[in-house]
């Protein structure tokens, strides 16, 4: 659904009710929700931080291309 946006085909977009427009606006693209997260409680300096997470894409767009994931830790 990456092609569907308000400029795609205006008559169809204008025919949708406000609740449909709101649903599409909220869910177009990727919408990743964190389902679970676990991680090491303590890590020694220079040690390894083990973590596991599960994400769910609740948006209307599927992941078509492989993308890198970067984890940024900020104190």
N, C-alpha and C. Protein backbone atom coordinates (compact mmCIF):
# COMPACT_ATOMS: atom_id res chain seq x y z
N UNK A 1 0.81 -1.19 0.00
CA UNK A 1 0.00 0.00 0.00
C UNK A 1 0.86 1.26 0.00
N UNK A 2 2.06 1.18 -0.45
CA UNK A 2 2.93 2.35 -0.42
C UNK A 2 2.49 3.43 -1.40
N UNK A 3 1.68 3.07 -2.38
CA UNK A 3 1.24 4.03 -3.40
C UNK A 3 0.01 4.82 -2.97
N UNK A 4 -0.69 4.38 -1.94
CA UNK A 4 -1.97 4.98 -1.58
C UNK A 4 -1.75 6.18 -0.65
N UNK A 5 -2.12 7.34 -1.12
CA UNK A 5 -2.04 8.56 -0.33
C UNK A 5 -3.10 9.52 -0.86
N UNK A 6 -3.27 10.65 -0.22
CA UNK A 6 -4.38 11.55 -0.59
C UNK A 6 -4.28 12.10 -2.00
N UNK A 7 -3.09 12.12 -2.61
CA UNK A 7 -2.94 12.62 -3.97
C UNK A 7 -3.01 11.52 -5.03
N UNK A 8 -3.15 10.25 -4.61
CA UNK A 8 -3.15 9.13 -5.54
C UNK A 8 -4.32 9.22 -6.51
N UNK A 9 -5.53 9.24 -6.01
CA UNK A 9 -6.72 9.37 -6.85
C UNK A 9 -7.75 10.14 -6.03
N UNK A 10 -7.77 11.44 -6.22
CA UNK A 10 -8.54 12.36 -5.39
C UNK A 10 -10.03 12.01 -5.27
N UNK A 11 -10.75 11.61 -6.34
CA UNK A 11 -12.17 11.29 -6.18
C UNK A 11 -12.43 10.17 -5.16
N UNK A 12 -11.59 9.15 -5.17
CA UNK A 12 -11.76 8.06 -4.20
C UNK A 12 -11.49 8.57 -2.79
N UNK A 13 -10.39 9.29 -2.64
CA UNK A 13 -10.03 9.82 -1.32
C UNK A 13 -11.13 10.73 -0.79
N UNK A 14 -11.69 11.57 -1.63
CA UNK A 14 -12.75 12.49 -1.21
C UNK A 14 -14.05 11.76 -0.87
N UNK A 15 -14.27 10.58 -1.46
CA UNK A 15 -15.49 9.82 -1.20
C UNK A 15 -15.45 9.08 0.14
N UNK A 16 -14.27 8.88 0.67
CA UNK A 16 -14.16 8.20 1.97
C UNK A 16 -14.74 9.07 3.06
N UNK A 17 -15.35 8.45 4.03
CA UNK A 17 -15.83 9.18 5.20
C UNK A 17 -14.65 9.56 6.09
N UNK A 18 -14.92 10.42 7.05
CA UNK A 18 -13.83 10.90 7.91
C UNK A 18 -13.21 9.77 8.74
N UNK A 19 -14.00 8.77 9.13
CA UNK A 19 -13.44 7.67 9.93
C UNK A 19 -12.47 6.83 9.10
N UNK A 20 -12.77 6.63 7.82
CA UNK A 20 -11.86 5.88 6.94
C UNK A 20 -10.58 6.67 6.71
N UNK A 21 -10.72 7.97 6.47
CA UNK A 21 -9.53 8.82 6.28
C UNK A 21 -8.65 8.78 7.52
N UNK A 22 -9.27 8.85 8.69
CA UNK A 22 -8.50 8.83 9.94
C UNK A 22 -7.78 7.50 10.11
N UNK A 23 -8.46 6.40 9.82
CA UNK A 23 -7.84 5.06 9.91
C UNK A 23 -6.63 4.96 9.00
N UNK A 24 -6.78 5.38 7.75
CA UNK A 24 -5.66 5.31 6.81
C UNK A 24 -4.54 6.25 7.21
N UNK A 25 -4.87 7.44 7.66
CA UNK A 25 -3.85 8.39 8.08
C UNK A 25 -3.02 7.82 9.23
N UNK A 26 -3.68 7.15 10.15
CA UNK A 26 -2.99 6.60 11.32
C UNK A 26 -2.18 5.35 10.99
N UNK A 27 -2.54 4.64 9.93
CA UNK A 27 -1.88 3.36 9.67
C UNK A 27 -1.11 3.28 8.36
N UNK A 28 -1.06 4.37 7.59
CA UNK A 28 -0.25 4.33 6.37
C UNK A 28 1.22 4.19 6.73
N UNK A 29 1.93 3.45 5.94
CA UNK A 29 3.36 3.27 6.20
C UNK A 29 3.60 2.16 7.20
N UNK A 30 4.77 2.19 7.82
CA UNK A 30 5.13 1.22 8.85
C UNK A 30 4.73 1.77 10.20
N UNK A 31 4.20 0.92 11.03
CA UNK A 31 3.86 1.29 12.41
C UNK A 31 4.35 0.16 13.30
N UNK A 32 5.55 0.31 13.82
CA UNK A 32 6.14 -0.74 14.63
C UNK A 32 5.75 -0.57 16.09
N UNK A 33 5.23 -1.63 16.66
CA UNK A 33 4.87 -1.64 18.08
C UNK A 33 5.77 -2.63 18.79
N UNK A 34 6.33 -2.20 19.91
CA UNK A 34 7.17 -3.06 20.73
C UNK A 34 6.27 -4.00 21.51
N UNK A 35 6.46 -5.30 21.31
CA UNK A 35 5.66 -6.31 22.00
C UNK A 35 6.37 -6.85 23.23
N UNK A 36 7.65 -7.18 23.11
CA UNK A 36 8.43 -7.65 24.26
C UNK A 36 9.85 -7.12 24.16
N UNK A 37 10.47 -6.96 25.33
CA UNK A 37 11.86 -6.52 25.40
C UNK A 37 12.49 -7.12 26.64
N UNK A 38 13.65 -7.73 26.47
CA UNK A 38 14.43 -8.20 27.62
C UNK A 38 15.88 -7.85 27.35
N UNK A 39 16.63 -7.58 28.42
CA UNK A 39 18.02 -7.17 28.27
C UNK A 39 18.79 -7.46 29.55
N UNK A 40 20.11 -7.48 29.42
CA UNK A 40 20.99 -7.69 30.58
C UNK A 40 20.80 -6.53 31.55
N UNK A 41 20.65 -6.85 32.82
CA UNK A 41 20.47 -5.79 33.82
C UNK A 41 21.78 -5.08 34.13
N UNK A 42 22.89 -5.80 34.04
CA UNK A 42 24.20 -5.20 34.30
C UNK A 42 25.17 -5.67 33.23
N UNK A 43 26.04 -4.77 32.81
CA UNK A 43 27.07 -5.10 31.81
C UNK A 43 28.37 -4.47 32.27
N UNK A 44 29.42 -5.27 32.33
CA UNK A 44 30.73 -4.75 32.71
C UNK A 44 31.27 -3.87 31.59
N UNK A 45 32.12 -2.90 31.92
CA UNK A 45 32.74 -2.09 30.86
C UNK A 45 33.44 -2.99 29.84
N UNK A 46 33.15 -2.77 28.58
CA UNK A 46 33.71 -3.60 27.51
C UNK A 46 33.00 -4.93 27.36
N UNK A 47 31.96 -5.16 28.17
CA UNK A 47 31.21 -6.42 28.12
C UNK A 47 30.17 -6.41 27.02
N UNK A 48 29.41 -7.46 27.00
CA UNK A 48 28.38 -7.64 25.96
C UNK A 48 27.00 -7.41 26.57
N UNK A 49 26.23 -6.59 25.91
CA UNK A 49 24.84 -6.36 26.30
C UNK A 49 23.98 -7.32 25.48
N UNK A 50 23.34 -8.25 26.15
CA UNK A 50 22.42 -9.16 25.47
C UNK A 50 21.02 -8.58 25.56
N UNK A 51 20.31 -8.62 24.44
CA UNK A 51 18.93 -8.15 24.46
C UNK A 51 18.13 -8.91 23.42
N UNK A 52 16.84 -8.91 23.62
CA UNK A 52 15.91 -9.54 22.69
C UNK A 52 14.67 -8.67 22.63
N UNK A 53 14.15 -8.47 21.43
CA UNK A 53 12.92 -7.70 21.31
C UNK A 53 12.07 -8.28 20.20
N UNK A 54 10.78 -8.06 20.35
CA UNK A 54 9.82 -8.47 19.32
C UNK A 54 9.01 -7.24 18.94
N UNK A 55 8.97 -6.97 17.64
CA UNK A 55 8.20 -5.86 17.10
C UNK A 55 7.09 -6.39 16.22
N UNK A 56 5.99 -5.67 16.16
CA UNK A 56 4.91 -6.02 15.25
C UNK A 56 4.59 -4.79 14.40
N UNK A 57 4.52 -4.99 13.08
CA UNK A 57 4.15 -3.91 12.17
C UNK A 57 2.63 -3.89 12.06
N UNK A 58 2.01 -2.88 12.65
CA UNK A 58 0.55 -2.76 12.59
C UNK A 58 0.11 -1.78 11.51
N UNK A 59 1.05 -1.27 10.74
CA UNK A 59 0.73 -0.37 9.63
C UNK A 59 0.29 -1.15 8.40
N UNK A 60 -0.11 -0.43 7.38
CA UNK A 60 -0.61 -1.06 6.16
C UNK A 60 0.50 -1.43 5.18
N UNK A 61 1.70 -0.93 5.37
CA UNK A 61 2.79 -1.23 4.43
C UNK A 61 3.60 -2.43 4.91
N UNK A 62 3.87 -3.31 3.99
CA UNK A 62 4.74 -4.45 4.28
C UNK A 62 6.19 -4.02 4.08
N UNK A 63 7.08 -4.74 4.71
CA UNK A 63 8.52 -4.47 4.54
C UNK A 63 8.95 -5.09 3.21
N UNK A 64 9.15 -4.27 2.20
CA UNK A 64 9.53 -4.76 0.88
C UNK A 64 11.03 -4.93 0.72
N UNK A 65 11.79 -4.13 1.42
CA UNK A 65 13.25 -4.16 1.31
C UNK A 65 13.87 -4.44 2.66
N UNK A 66 14.98 -5.15 2.64
CA UNK A 66 15.72 -5.40 3.87
C UNK A 66 16.38 -4.09 4.30
N UNK A 67 16.22 -3.75 5.54
CA UNK A 67 16.80 -2.52 6.08
C UNK A 67 17.66 -2.85 7.28
N UNK A 68 18.76 -2.12 7.47
CA UNK A 68 19.58 -2.34 8.66
C UNK A 68 18.87 -1.80 9.90
N UNK A 69 19.20 -2.38 11.03
CA UNK A 69 18.67 -1.92 12.31
C UNK A 69 19.83 -1.39 13.12
N UNK A 70 19.69 -0.20 13.65
CA UNK A 70 20.72 0.41 14.50
C UNK A 70 20.15 0.61 15.89
N UNK A 71 20.91 0.20 16.88
CA UNK A 71 20.52 0.41 18.26
C UNK A 71 21.40 1.50 18.84
N UNK A 72 20.77 2.53 19.35
CA UNK A 72 21.51 3.65 19.94
C UNK A 72 21.21 3.66 21.44
N UNK A 73 22.26 3.57 22.24
CA UNK A 73 22.12 3.63 23.69
C UNK A 73 22.55 5.01 24.14
N UNK A 74 21.71 5.66 24.90
CA UNK A 74 21.99 7.02 25.34
C UNK A 74 21.75 7.11 26.83
N UNK A 75 22.69 7.66 27.55
CA UNK A 75 22.54 7.80 28.99
C UNK A 75 22.12 9.22 29.31
